Amino acid sequence: MALDISSLEKAINSLDMLIQKTNDNEFMESLDVTFRYGIKAGVIQNFEFTYELCWKFMKRWLEENIGKIYVDGIPRKELFRLSYENKLIDNVQKWFKYHKYRNLTSHTYNIEIAEEVFEVSKEFINDAKFLLERLKEKNDF
């Protein structure tokens, strides 16, 4: 059964557009500190829901293609390992890191942690795009 990955694609595109804006130094410097802060907060929020969609689509693909028995109830780290074994992702350690930073955003707010998550989001976008491309290639039509 083909997975409808349109929500993942939209989330990745949204995160990517925001990151591209933050990489435009001229644009960012034209904004006052409140707007710069707001855009960074938007990147972090997009990272949060895009990360959530990524692992959920990994799980759905694995359930459909290797069987629910291998996926139900497994820890997130094992889900990432299975995703790597099935060539959905190319670096398990990075996904462990993204999981760590996603958890940090949901348990406390700290400006230093927010800045770290913002920077990690810039790395994450490329791995999210890789996952999306792999899902497109491997999606049953």
N, C-alpha and C. Protein backbone atom coordinates (compact mmCIF):
# COMPACT_ATOMS: atom_id res chain seq x y z
N MET A 1 0.84 -1.18 0.00
CA MET A 1 0.00 0.00 0.00
C MET A 1 0.89 1.24 0.00
N ALA A 2 0.60 2.18 -0.85
CA ALA A 2 1.38 3.42 -0.94
C ALA A 2 1.06 4.33 0.24
N LEU A 3 2.10 4.93 0.78
CA LEU A 3 1.93 5.90 1.85
C LEU A 3 1.68 7.28 1.24
N ASP A 4 0.75 8.01 1.83
CA ASP A 4 0.53 9.40 1.43
C ASP A 4 1.53 10.26 2.20
N ILE A 5 2.62 10.62 1.55
CA ILE A 5 3.69 11.36 2.21
C ILE A 5 3.59 12.87 1.96
N SER A 6 2.44 13.32 1.50
CA SER A 6 2.29 14.75 1.18
C SER A 6 2.45 15.64 2.41
N SER A 7 1.98 15.19 3.57
CA SER A 7 2.12 16.01 4.78
C SER A 7 3.59 16.15 5.17
N LEU A 8 4.36 15.09 5.00
CA LEU A 8 5.79 15.16 5.28
C LEU A 8 6.48 16.11 4.31
N GLU A 9 6.12 16.02 3.05
CA GLU A 9 6.72 16.89 2.04
C GLU A 9 6.41 18.37 2.34
N LYS A 10 5.18 18.66 2.74
CA LYS A 10 4.81 20.04 3.07
C LYS A 10 5.57 20.54 4.29
N ALA A 11 5.72 19.69 5.29
CA ALA A 11 6.44 20.08 6.51
C ALA A 11 7.91 20.36 6.20
N ILE A 12 8.53 19.50 5.40
CA ILE A 12 9.93 19.68 5.03
C ILE A 12 10.09 20.96 4.22
N ASN A 13 9.18 21.22 3.30
CA ASN A 13 9.25 22.45 2.50
C ASN A 13 9.11 23.69 3.37
N SER A 14 8.22 23.64 4.36
CA SER A 14 8.03 24.76 5.26
C SER A 14 9.30 25.04 6.07
N LEU A 15 9.89 24.00 6.63
CA LEU A 15 11.13 24.15 7.38
C LEU A 15 12.25 24.66 6.49
N ASP A 16 12.35 24.12 5.30
CA ASP A 16 13.40 24.52 4.37
C ASP A 16 13.28 26.00 4.00
N MET A 17 12.07 26.47 3.73
CA MET A 17 11.88 27.88 3.38
C MET A 17 12.31 28.80 4.51
N LEU A 18 11.95 28.44 5.74
CA LEU A 18 12.35 29.27 6.88
C LEU A 18 13.86 29.27 7.07
N ILE A 19 14.47 28.11 6.94
CA ILE A 19 15.93 28.03 7.09
C ILE A 19 16.62 28.86 6.02
N GLN A 20 16.11 28.80 4.80
CA GLN A 20 16.69 29.61 3.73
C GLN A 20 16.62 31.10 4.07
N LYS A 21 15.51 31.53 4.66
CA LYS A 21 15.39 32.94 5.06
C LYS A 21 16.41 33.28 6.14
N THR A 22 16.62 32.40 7.09
CA THR A 22 17.58 32.69 8.17
C THR A 22 19.01 32.70 7.65
N ASN A 23 19.26 32.03 6.54
CA ASN A 23 20.60 32.03 5.94
C ASN A 23 20.86 33.29 5.11
N ASP A 24 19.82 34.07 4.87
CA ASP A 24 19.95 35.32 4.13
C ASP A 24 20.31 36.43 5.13
N ASN A 25 21.61 36.67 5.28
CA ASN A 25 22.09 37.63 6.28
C ASN A 25 21.53 39.03 6.06
N GLU A 26 21.45 39.44 4.82
CA GLU A 26 20.92 40.79 4.53
C GLU A 26 19.48 40.91 5.02
N PHE A 27 18.68 39.89 4.74
CA PHE A 27 17.29 39.89 5.19
C PHE A 27 17.21 39.89 6.71
N MET A 28 17.96 38.99 7.35
CA MET A 28 17.90 38.87 8.81
C MET A 28 18.36 40.15 9.50
N GLU A 29 19.39 40.77 8.96
CA GLU A 29 19.90 42.01 9.57
C GLU A 29 18.95 43.19 9.38
N SER A 30 18.06 43.08 8.39
CA SER A 30 17.09 44.15 8.17
C SER A 30 15.95 44.11 9.19
N LEU A 31 15.85 43.02 9.92
CA LEU A 31 14.78 42.85 10.90
C LEU A 31 15.23 43.28 12.29
N ASP A 32 14.28 43.72 13.09
CA ASP A 32 14.65 44.00 14.47
C ASP A 32 14.76 42.68 15.24
N VAL A 33 15.28 42.74 16.43
CA VAL A 33 15.59 41.54 17.20
C VAL A 33 14.34 40.70 17.47
N THR A 34 13.20 41.33 17.64
CA THR A 34 11.96 40.59 17.91
C THR A 34 11.57 39.71 16.72
N PHE A 35 11.66 40.26 15.53
CA PHE A 35 11.33 39.48 14.34
C PHE A 35 12.35 38.37 14.09
N ARG A 36 13.63 38.66 14.32
CA ARG A 36 14.65 37.61 14.16
C ARG A 36 14.38 36.47 15.14
N TYR A 37 14.06 36.83 16.35
CA TYR A 37 13.74 35.83 17.37
C TYR A 37 12.51 35.02 16.94
N GLY A 38 11.50 35.69 16.41
CA GLY A 38 10.28 35.01 15.97
C GLY A 38 10.53 34.04 14.83
N ILE A 39 11.39 34.43 13.89
CA ILE A 39 11.71 33.53 12.77
C ILE A 39 12.46 32.31 13.28
N LYS A 40 13.40 32.51 14.19
CA LYS A 40 14.13 31.37 14.76
C LYS A 40 13.18 30.46 15.53
N ALA A 41 12.24 31.04 16.26
CA ALA A 41 11.25 30.24 16.97
C ALA A 41 10.40 29.43 15.99
N GLY A 42 10.10 30.03 14.84
CA GLY A 42 9.36 29.32 13.79
C GLY A 42 10.14 28.15 13.24
N VAL A 43 11.46 28.32 13.07
CA VAL A 43 12.31 27.22 12.61
C VAL A 43 12.25 26.09 13.62
N ILE A 44 12.36 26.43 14.90
CA ILE A 44 12.35 25.41 15.95
C ILE A 44 11.02 24.66 15.96
N GLN A 45 9.92 25.39 15.86
CA GLN A 45 8.61 24.74 15.84
C GLN A 45 8.46 23.85 14.61
N ASN A 46 8.93 24.30 13.47
CA ASN A 46 8.89 23.48 12.26
C ASN A 46 9.76 22.24 12.41
N PHE A 47 10.93 22.40 13.04
CA PHE A 47 11.79 21.24 13.33
C PHE A 47 11.02 20.22 14.15
N GLU A 48 10.32 20.69 15.19
CA GLU A 48 9.61 19.77 16.08
C GLU A 48 8.59 18.93 15.32
N PHE A 49 7.71 19.57 14.57
CA PHE A 49 6.68 18.75 13.91
C PHE A 49 7.20 18.00 12.71
N THR A 50 8.24 18.51 12.06
CA THR A 50 8.81 17.77 10.93
C THR A 50 9.54 16.53 11.43
N TYR A 51 10.26 16.66 12.54
CA TYR A 51 10.91 15.49 13.15
C TYR A 51 9.86 14.43 13.50
N GLU A 52 8.77 14.86 14.11
CA GLU A 52 7.71 13.93 14.50
C GLU A 52 7.15 13.20 13.28
N LEU A 53 6.89 13.93 12.22
CA LEU A 53 6.40 13.29 11.00
C LEU A 53 7.43 12.32 10.41
N CYS A 54 8.70 12.70 10.46
CA CYS A 54 9.75 11.83 9.91
C CYS A 54 9.75 10.46 10.58
N TRP A 55 9.81 10.44 11.91
CA TRP A 55 9.89 9.13 12.55
C TRP A 55 8.59 8.35 12.38
N LYS A 56 7.46 9.05 12.34
CA LYS A 56 6.19 8.34 12.15
C LYS A 56 6.11 7.73 10.75
N PHE A 57 6.65 8.41 9.74
CA PHE A 57 6.66 7.83 8.39
C PHE A 57 7.67 6.70 8.28
N MET A 58 8.78 6.80 9.00
CA MET A 58 9.70 5.66 9.05
C MET A 58 8.96 4.44 9.58
N LYS A 59 8.25 4.65 10.69
CA LYS A 59 7.53 3.55 11.32
C LYS A 59 6.46 2.98 10.38
N ARG A 60 5.69 3.84 9.74
CA ARG A 60 4.65 3.37 8.82
C ARG A 60 5.24 2.57 7.67
N TRP A 61 6.34 3.08 7.10
CA TRP A 61 6.96 2.37 5.99
C TRP A 61 7.46 1.00 6.45
N LEU A 62 8.10 0.96 7.59
CA LEU A 62 8.61 -0.32 8.11
C LEU A 62 7.47 -1.29 8.41
N GLU A 63 6.38 -0.79 8.99
CA GLU A 63 5.23 -1.65 9.25
C GLU A 63 4.70 -2.27 7.96
N GLU A 64 4.60 -1.46 6.93
CA GLU A 64 4.08 -1.93 5.65
C GLU A 64 5.03 -2.87 4.92
N ASN A 65 6.32 -2.67 5.09
CA ASN A 65 7.29 -3.38 4.27
C ASN A 65 8.06 -4.50 4.95
N ILE A 66 8.21 -4.43 6.27
CA ILE A 66 8.86 -5.56 6.95
C ILE A 66 7.94 -6.23 7.95
N GLY A 67 6.84 -5.56 8.31
CA GLY A 67 5.84 -6.14 9.18
C GLY A 67 5.72 -5.45 10.53
N LYS A 68 4.47 -5.32 10.97
CA LYS A 68 4.20 -4.65 12.25
C LYS A 68 4.86 -5.37 13.42
N ILE A 69 4.99 -6.67 13.32
CA ILE A 69 5.56 -7.45 14.42
C ILE A 69 6.98 -6.99 14.77
N TYR A 70 7.70 -6.47 13.78
CA TYR A 70 9.08 -6.03 13.99
C TYR A 70 9.16 -4.59 14.49
N VAL A 71 8.06 -3.87 14.41
CA VAL A 71 8.09 -2.43 14.68
C VAL A 71 7.30 -2.04 15.93
N ASP A 72 6.19 -2.72 16.18
CA ASP A 72 5.33 -2.34 17.30
C ASP A 72 6.08 -2.38 18.63
N GLY A 73 6.02 -1.26 19.32
CA GLY A 73 6.57 -1.19 20.67
C GLY A 73 8.08 -1.05 20.78
N ILE A 74 8.77 -0.92 19.66
CA ILE A 74 10.23 -0.82 19.75
C ILE A 74 10.63 0.61 20.14
N PRO A 75 11.75 0.74 20.84
CA PRO A 75 12.23 2.08 21.18
C PRO A 75 12.62 2.86 19.92
N ARG A 76 12.64 4.16 20.05
CA ARG A 76 12.94 5.02 18.91
C ARG A 76 14.31 4.70 18.31
N LYS A 77 15.30 4.44 19.17
CA LYS A 77 16.64 4.14 18.64
C LYS A 77 16.61 2.90 17.76
N GLU A 78 15.85 1.91 18.15
CA GLU A 78 15.75 0.70 17.34
C GLU A 78 15.01 0.99 16.03
N LEU A 79 14.02 1.88 16.09
CA LEU A 79 13.32 2.29 14.87
C LEU A 79 14.31 2.93 13.89
N PHE A 80 15.19 3.76 14.40
CA PHE A 80 16.19 4.39 13.54
C PHE A 80 17.16 3.36 12.98
N ARG A 81 17.53 2.38 13.79
CA ARG A 81 18.43 1.33 13.30
C ARG A 81 17.78 0.54 12.16
N LEU A 82 16.51 0.19 12.34
CA LEU A 82 15.78 -0.52 11.29
C LEU A 82 15.64 0.35 10.03
N SER A 83 15.42 1.62 10.23
CA SER A 83 15.32 2.54 9.09
C SER A 83 16.64 2.60 8.34
N TYR A 84 17.73 2.58 9.07
CA TYR A 84 19.06 2.57 8.45
C TYR A 84 19.28 1.26 7.68
N GLU A 85 18.94 0.14 8.31
CA GLU A 85 19.11 -1.16 7.66
C GLU A 85 18.29 -1.25 6.37
N ASN A 86 17.17 -0.55 6.34
CA ASN A 86 16.30 -0.56 5.16
C ASN A 86 16.54 0.64 4.25
N LYS A 87 17.64 1.33 4.50
CA LYS A 87 18.13 2.42 3.64
C LYS A 87 17.18 3.61 3.52
N LEU A 88 16.39 3.84 4.59
CA LEU A 88 15.56 5.05 4.62
C LEU A 88 16.37 6.25 5.09
N ILE A 89 17.36 5.99 5.94
CA ILE A 89 18.26 7.04 6.44
C ILE A 89 19.69 6.56 6.24
N ASP A 90 20.63 7.49 6.29
CA ASP A 90 22.02 7.09 6.04
C ASP A 90 22.95 7.29 7.23
N ASN A 91 22.40 7.76 8.37
CA ASN A 91 23.24 7.96 9.55
C ASN A 91 22.38 7.87 10.80
N VAL A 92 22.50 6.76 11.50
CA VAL A 92 21.69 6.52 12.70
C VAL A 92 22.04 7.53 13.80
N GLN A 93 23.32 7.81 13.98
CA GLN A 93 23.75 8.70 15.06
C GLN A 93 23.13 10.10 14.94
N LYS A 94 23.00 10.58 13.72
CA LYS A 94 22.38 11.89 13.54
C LYS A 94 20.93 11.87 14.02
N TRP A 95 20.22 10.80 13.72
CA TRP A 95 18.82 10.71 14.14
C TRP A 95 18.71 10.57 15.65
N PHE A 96 19.68 9.92 16.29
CA PHE A 96 19.70 9.89 17.76
C PHE A 96 19.82 11.32 18.28
N LYS A 97 20.69 12.11 17.64
CA LYS A 97 20.89 13.50 18.04
C LYS A 97 19.61 14.32 17.84
N TYR A 98 18.95 14.15 16.71
CA TYR A 98 17.71 14.89 16.46
C TYR A 98 16.65 14.55 17.51
N HIS A 99 16.60 13.28 17.88
CA HIS A 99 15.66 12.85 18.92
C HIS A 99 15.97 13.55 20.24
N LYS A 100 17.24 13.60 20.58
CA LYS A 100 17.66 14.27 21.82
C LYS A 100 17.22 15.73 21.81
N TYR A 101 17.47 16.42 20.71
CA TYR A 101 17.12 17.84 20.65
C TYR A 101 15.61 18.05 20.60
N ARG A 102 14.89 17.15 19.99
CA ARG A 102 13.42 17.25 20.00
C ARG A 102 12.92 17.14 21.43
N ASN A 103 13.49 16.21 22.19
CA ASN A 103 13.08 16.06 23.59
C ASN A 103 13.43 17.29 24.41
N LEU A 104 14.57 17.90 24.14
CA LEU A 104 14.95 19.11 24.88
C LEU A 104 13.94 20.23 24.67
N THR A 105 13.38 20.34 23.48
CA THR A 105 12.43 21.42 23.22
C THR A 105 11.12 21.22 23.95
N SER A 106 10.78 20.00 24.27
CA SER A 106 9.47 19.75 24.87
C SER A 106 9.50 19.74 26.39
N HIS A 107 10.67 19.72 27.00
CA HIS A 107 10.74 19.62 28.45
C HIS A 107 11.07 20.93 29.15
N THR A 108 11.71 21.83 28.47
CA THR A 108 12.10 23.08 29.10
C THR A 108 12.35 24.13 28.03
N TYR A 109 12.30 25.39 28.42
CA TYR A 109 12.69 26.43 27.48
C TYR A 109 13.89 27.16 28.06
N ASN A 110 14.90 27.27 27.24
CA ASN A 110 16.14 27.93 27.63
C ASN A 110 16.70 28.53 26.35
N ILE A 111 17.09 29.79 26.40
CA ILE A 111 17.54 30.48 25.18
C ILE A 111 18.76 29.80 24.56
N GLU A 112 19.67 29.28 25.40
CA GLU A 112 20.86 28.60 24.87
C GLU A 112 20.47 27.31 24.16
N ILE A 113 19.56 26.56 24.77
CA ILE A 113 19.09 25.32 24.14
C ILE A 113 18.33 25.64 22.85
N ALA A 114 17.54 26.70 22.88
CA ALA A 114 16.80 27.10 21.67
C ALA A 114 17.78 27.40 20.53
N GLU A 115 18.87 28.07 20.84
CA GLU A 115 19.87 28.38 19.81
C GLU A 115 20.51 27.10 19.28
N GLU A 116 20.77 26.14 20.17
CA GLU A 116 21.33 24.85 19.73
C GLU A 116 20.35 24.12 18.82
N VAL A 117 19.09 24.10 19.21
CA VAL A 117 18.07 23.42 18.40
C VAL A 117 17.94 24.11 17.05
N PHE A 118 18.01 25.42 17.04
CA PHE A 118 17.97 26.17 15.79
C PHE A 118 19.10 25.72 14.87
N GLU A 119 20.31 25.59 15.39
CA GLU A 119 21.46 25.17 14.58
C GLU A 119 21.32 23.72 14.13
N VAL A 120 20.83 22.85 15.00
CA VAL A 120 20.62 21.45 14.65
C VAL A 120 19.56 21.34 13.54
N SER A 121 18.58 22.22 13.56
CA SER A 121 17.53 22.21 12.53
C SER A 121 18.12 22.40 11.14
N LYS A 122 19.17 23.20 11.05
CA LYS A 122 19.82 23.45 9.76
C LYS A 122 20.50 22.18 9.23
N GLU A 123 20.96 21.36 10.14
CA GLU A 123 21.56 20.07 9.74
C GLU A 123 20.46 19.05 9.43
N PHE A 124 19.43 19.06 10.26
CA PHE A 124 18.32 18.12 10.15
C PHE A 124 17.63 18.18 8.78
N ILE A 125 17.47 19.39 8.24
CA ILE A 125 16.70 19.54 7.00
C ILE A 125 17.24 18.65 5.89
N ASN A 126 18.55 18.53 5.79
CA ASN A 126 19.13 17.69 4.73
C ASN A 126 18.81 16.21 4.94
N ASP A 127 18.83 15.77 6.18
CA ASP A 127 18.50 14.37 6.46
C ASP A 127 17.01 14.10 6.29
N ALA A 128 16.19 15.08 6.60
CA ALA A 128 14.75 14.94 6.37
C ALA A 128 14.46 14.84 4.87
N LYS A 129 15.16 15.66 4.07
CA LYS A 129 15.00 15.59 2.62
C LYS A 129 15.46 14.24 2.08
N PHE A 130 16.55 13.72 2.63
CA PHE A 130 17.04 12.40 2.21
C PHE A 130 15.97 11.34 2.49
N LEU A 131 15.40 11.37 3.70
CA LEU A 131 14.33 10.42 4.05
C LEU A 131 13.17 10.56 3.07
N LEU A 132 12.75 11.77 2.80
CA LEU A 132 11.62 11.98 1.88
C LEU A 132 11.92 11.38 0.51
N GLU A 133 13.10 11.60 0.00
CA GLU A 133 13.47 11.04 -1.30
C GLU A 133 13.48 9.52 -1.27
N ARG A 134 13.98 8.95 -0.20
CA ARG A 134 14.00 7.48 -0.08
C ARG A 134 12.57 6.94 0.00
N LEU A 135 11.71 7.62 0.74
CA LEU A 135 10.31 7.18 0.82
C LEU A 135 9.64 7.27 -0.55
N LYS A 136 9.93 8.32 -1.29
CA LYS A 136 9.36 8.44 -2.64
C LYS A 136 9.84 7.30 -3.54
N GLU A 137 11.12 6.99 -3.46
CA GLU A 137 11.69 5.92 -4.29
C GLU A 137 11.12 4.56 -3.93
N LYS A 138 10.90 4.34 -2.64
CA LYS A 138 10.51 3.02 -2.15
C LYS A 138 9.00 2.87 -1.96
N ASN A 139 8.26 3.94 -2.16
CA ASN A 139 6.81 3.92 -1.93
C ASN A 139 6.14 3.07 -2.99
N ASP A 140 5.31 2.15 -2.54
CA ASP A 140 4.55 1.31 -3.48
C ASP A 140 3.40 2.13 -4.05
N PHE A 141 3.24 2.06 -5.35
CA PHE A 141 2.17 2.83 -5.99
C PHE A 141 1.02 1.94 -6.35
